[in-house]
Amino acid sequence: MQARGNSHRPERIASVIKREVSVIIDSEVSDPRVHGVSVTDVEMSRDLRNAIVFVNVEDDDKSVVDALNGCAGYIRHVLAENESEMRGVPQLRFEIDKSQSYYRRIDQVIKGLHDDDK
């Protein structure tokens, strides 16, 4: 049985990581390959030791995600310095958020249907 107050811990940690990693990418990461990044979601593992950080990047550029994964240790270090309330900072892995592309494609199809009606 989980202790009271801990039932939403993964969601709270994911929310903090989403907010803080977004700020760190914007202000601390100096890698020129990292540009046009927005953090869209974070999924925590059950044991809270790993986090998948979903990002939206211009043109779904995989090289940006590769660069983010390359500096994930640095981002984790800065996150640990900024978030002293966390018991432990999870390992970070960055992935492109495919849902954004999917929604854009659906939007294009719908617009195409409306254009066909005219």
C-alpha atoms as a PDB file:
ATOM      1  CA  MET A   1       0.000   0.000   0.000  1.00  0.00           C
ATOM      2  CA  GLN A   2       1.327   3.433  -0.920  1.00  0.00           C
ATOM      3  CA  ALA A   3       1.640   6.098   1.677  1.00  0.00           C
ATOM      4  CA  ARG A   4      -0.814   8.933   1.504  1.00  0.00           C
ATOM      5  CA  GLY A   5       0.452  11.796  -0.637  1.00  0.00           C
ATOM      6  CA  ASN A   6       2.763   9.601  -2.725  1.00  0.00           C
ATOM      7  CA  SER A   7       0.075   8.333  -5.080  1.00  0.00           C
ATOM      8  CA  HIS A   8       0.726  11.117  -7.576  1.00  0.00           C
ATOM      9  CA  ARG A   9       4.471  11.289  -7.076  1.00  0.00           C
ATOM     10  CA  PRO A  10       5.415  10.114 -10.621  1.00  0.00           C
ATOM     11  CA  GLU A  11       3.133  12.749 -12.144  1.00  0.00           C
ATOM     12  CA  ARG A  12       4.534  15.467  -9.889  1.00  0.00           C
ATOM     13  CA  ILE A  13       8.113  14.513 -10.701  1.00  0.00           C
ATOM     14  CA  ALA A  14       7.317  14.348 -14.424  1.00  0.00           C
ATOM     15  CA  SER A  15       5.787  17.815 -14.228  1.00  0.00           C
ATOM     16  CA  VAL A  16       8.829  19.252 -12.463  1.00  0.00           C
ATOM     17  CA  ILE A  17      11.196  17.612 -14.938  1.00  0.00           C
ATOM     18  CA  LYS A  18       9.172  18.883 -17.895  1.00  0.00           C
ATOM     19  CA  ARG A  19       9.257  22.456 -16.612  1.00  0.00           C
ATOM     20  CA  GLU A  20      12.880  22.463 -15.472  1.00  0.00           C
ATOM     21  CA  VAL A  21      14.364  20.639 -18.464  1.00  0.00           C
ATOM     22  CA  SER A  22      12.627  23.112 -20.765  1.00  0.00           C
ATOM     23  CA  VAL A  23      14.269  26.010 -18.904  1.00  0.00           C
ATOM     24  CA  ILE A  24      17.656  24.267 -18.842  1.00  0.00           C
ATOM     25  CA  ILE A  25      17.560  23.615 -22.597  1.00  0.00           C
ATOM     26  CA  ASP A  26      16.675  27.251 -23.273  1.00  0.00           C
ATOM     27  CA  SER A  27      19.193  28.822 -20.903  1.00  0.00           C
ATOM     28  CA  GLU A  28      22.023  26.376 -20.156  1.00  0.00           C
ATOM     29  CA  VAL A  29      22.609  24.193 -23.229  1.00  0.00           C
ATOM     30  CA  SER A  30      25.070  25.878 -25.560  1.00  0.00           C
ATOM     31  CA  ASP A  31      25.262  23.128 -28.194  1.00  0.00           C
ATOM     32  CA  PRO A  32      24.497  24.862 -31.524  1.00  0.00           C
ATOM     33  CA  ARG A  33      22.696  21.730 -32.765  1.00  0.00           C
ATOM     34  CA  VAL A  34      20.028  22.193 -30.089  1.00  0.00           C
ATOM     35  CA  HIS A  35      17.526  24.670 -31.482  1.00  0.00           C
ATOM     36  CA  GLY A  36      13.771  24.970 -31.805  1.00  0.00           C
ATOM     37  CA  VAL A  37      13.083  22.506 -28.986  1.00  0.00           C
ATOM     38  CA  SER A  38       9.959  22.394 -26.870  1.00  0.00           C
ATOM     39  CA  VAL A  39       9.431  19.789 -24.177  1.00  0.00           C
ATOM     40  CA  THR A  40       5.958  18.301 -24.635  1.00  0.00           C
ATOM     41  CA  ASP A  41       5.787  15.477 -22.099  1.00  0.00           C
ATOM     42  CA  VAL A  42       7.757  13.355 -19.652  1.00  0.00           C
ATOM     43  CA  GLU A  43       7.136   9.698 -18.846  1.00  0.00           C
ATOM     44  CA  MET A  44       8.584   8.281 -15.658  1.00  0.00           C
ATOM     45  CA  SER A  45       9.518   4.647 -15.097  1.00  0.00           C
ATOM     46  CA  ARG A  46       7.727   2.925 -12.228  1.00  0.00           C
ATOM     47  CA  ASP A  47      10.834   3.060 -10.041  1.00  0.00           C
ATOM     48  CA  LEU A  48      11.346   6.791 -10.864  1.00  0.00           C
ATOM     49  CA  ARG A  49      14.935   6.146 -11.973  1.00  0.00           C
ATOM     50  CA  ASN A  50      14.408   6.836 -15.672  1.00  0.00           C
ATOM     51  CA  ALA A  51      12.547   9.519 -17.567  1.00  0.00           C
ATOM     52  CA  ILE A  52      11.728   9.766 -21.246  1.00  0.00           C
ATOM     53  CA  VAL A  53      11.533  13.419 -22.225  1.00  0.00           C
ATOM     54  CA  PHE A  54       9.417  13.920 -25.332  1.00  0.00           C
ATOM     55  CA  VAL A  55      10.326  16.933 -27.412  1.00  0.00           C
ATOM     56  CA  ASN A  56       8.959  18.693 -30.429  1.00  0.00           C
ATOM     57  CA  VAL A  57      11.712  19.873 -32.770  1.00  0.00           C
ATOM     58  CA  GLU A  58      11.624  21.696 -36.079  1.00  0.00           C
ATOM     59  CA  ASP A  59      11.101  19.250 -38.973  1.00  0.00           C
ATOM     60  CA  ASP A  60      11.390  16.291 -36.533  1.00  0.00           C
ATOM     61  CA  ASP A  61      15.178  16.723 -36.828  1.00  0.00           C
ATOM     62  CA  LYS A  62      16.696  13.597 -35.266  1.00  0.00           C
ATOM     63  CA  SER A  63      20.122  15.253 -34.980  1.00  0.00           C
ATOM     64  CA  VAL A  64      18.657  17.652 -32.395  1.00  0.00           C
ATOM     65  CA  VAL A  65      17.449  14.699 -30.322  1.00  0.00           C
ATOM     66  CA  ASP A  66      20.851  13.025 -30.707  1.00  0.00           C
ATOM     67  CA  ALA A  67      22.505  16.211 -29.426  1.00  0.00           C
ATOM     68  CA  LEU A  68      20.092  16.349 -26.477  1.00  0.00           C
ATOM     69  CA  ASN A  69      20.849  12.730 -25.607  1.00  0.00           C
ATOM     70  CA  GLY A  70      24.535  13.593 -25.862  1.00  0.00           C
ATOM     71  CA  CYS A  71      24.193  16.284 -23.223  1.00  0.00           C
ATOM     72  CA  ALA A  72      21.594  14.444 -21.101  1.00  0.00           C
ATOM     73  CA  GLY A  73      24.168  13.943 -18.328  1.00  0.00           C
ATOM     74  CA  TYR A  74      24.837  17.672 -18.165  1.00  0.00           C
ATOM     75  CA  ILE A  75      21.102  18.466 -18.164  1.00  0.00           C
ATOM     76  CA  ARG A  76      20.616  15.918 -15.376  1.00  0.00           C
ATOM     77  CA  HIS A  77      23.459  17.525 -13.376  1.00  0.00           C
ATOM     78  CA  VAL A  78      21.919  20.999 -13.687  1.00  0.00           C
ATOM     79  CA  LEU A  79      18.517  19.573 -12.808  1.00  0.00           C
ATOM     80  CA  ALA A  80      19.988  18.004  -9.660  1.00  0.00           C
ATOM     81  CA  GLU A  81      21.520  21.347  -8.651  1.00  0.00           C
ATOM     82  CA  ASN A  82      18.260  23.228  -9.239  1.00  0.00           C
ATOM     83  CA  GLU A  83      15.882  20.704  -7.667  1.00  0.00           C
ATOM     84  CA  SER A  84      17.177  19.925  -4.197  1.00  0.00           C
ATOM     85  CA  GLU A  85      13.724  18.633  -3.219  1.00  0.00           C
ATOM     86  CA  MET A  86      14.069  15.586  -5.466  1.00  0.00           C
ATOM     87  CA  ARG A  87      15.396  12.512  -3.687  1.00  0.00           C
ATOM     88  CA  GLY A  88      17.169  11.401  -6.822  1.00  0.00           C
ATOM     89  CA  VAL A  89      17.258  12.734 -10.338  1.00  0.00           C
ATOM     90  CA  PRO A  90      16.361  10.125 -12.963  1.00  0.00           C
ATOM     91  CA  GLN A  91      18.402   9.251 -16.005  1.00  0.00           C
ATOM     92  CA  LEU A  92      17.085  11.251 -18.957  1.00  0.00           C
ATOM     93  CA  ARG A  93      16.434  10.010 -22.479  1.00  0.00           C
ATOM     94  CA  PHE A  94      15.099  12.325 -25.172  1.00  0.00           C
ATOM     95  CA  GLU A  95      12.724  11.238 -27.936  1.00  0.00           C
ATOM     96  CA  ILE A  96      10.787  13.042 -30.648  1.00  0.00           C
ATOM     97  CA  ASP A  97       7.130  13.418 -29.756  1.00  0.00           C
ATOM     98  CA  LYS A  98       5.463  11.666 -32.669  1.00  0.00           C
ATOM     99  CA  SER A  99       1.994  12.785 -31.596  1.00  0.00           C
ATOM    100  CA  GLN A 100       2.705  16.332 -32.792  1.00  0.00           C
ATOM    101  CA  SER A 101       3.432  15.101 -36.329  1.00  0.00           C
ATOM    102  CA  TYR A 102       0.361  12.888 -36.193  1.00  0.00           C
ATOM    103  CA  TYR A 103      -1.882  15.807 -35.190  1.00  0.00           C
ATOM    104  CA  ARG A 104      -0.409  18.026 -37.914  1.00  0.00           C
ATOM    105  CA  ARG A 105      -1.113  15.303 -40.486  1.00  0.00           C
ATOM    106  CA  ILE A 106      -4.713  14.920 -39.300  1.00  0.00           C
ATOM    107  CA  ASP A 107      -5.128  18.688 -39.516  1.00  0.00           C
ATOM    108  CA  GLN A 108      -3.836  18.647 -43.111  1.00  0.00           C
ATOM    109  CA  VAL A 109      -6.245  15.867 -44.056  1.00  0.00           C
ATOM    110  CA  ILE A 110      -9.186  17.727 -42.527  1.00  0.00           C
ATOM    111  CA  LYS A 111      -8.224  20.943 -44.317  1.00  0.00           C
ATOM    112  CA  GLY A 112      -7.962  18.944 -47.535  1.00  0.00           C
ATOM    113  CA  LEU A 113     -11.469  17.619 -47.038  1.00  0.00           C
ATOM    114  CA  HIS A 114     -12.795  21.147 -46.558  1.00  0.00           C
ATOM    115  CA  ASP A 115     -10.986  22.298 -49.700  1.00  0.00           C
ATOM    116  CA  ASP A 116     -12.579  19.436 -51.682  1.00  0.00           C
ATOM    117  CA  ASP A 117     -16.038  20.577 -50.552  1.00  0.00           C
ATOM    118  CA  LYS A 118     -15.542  24.001 -52.132  1.00  0.00           C
END
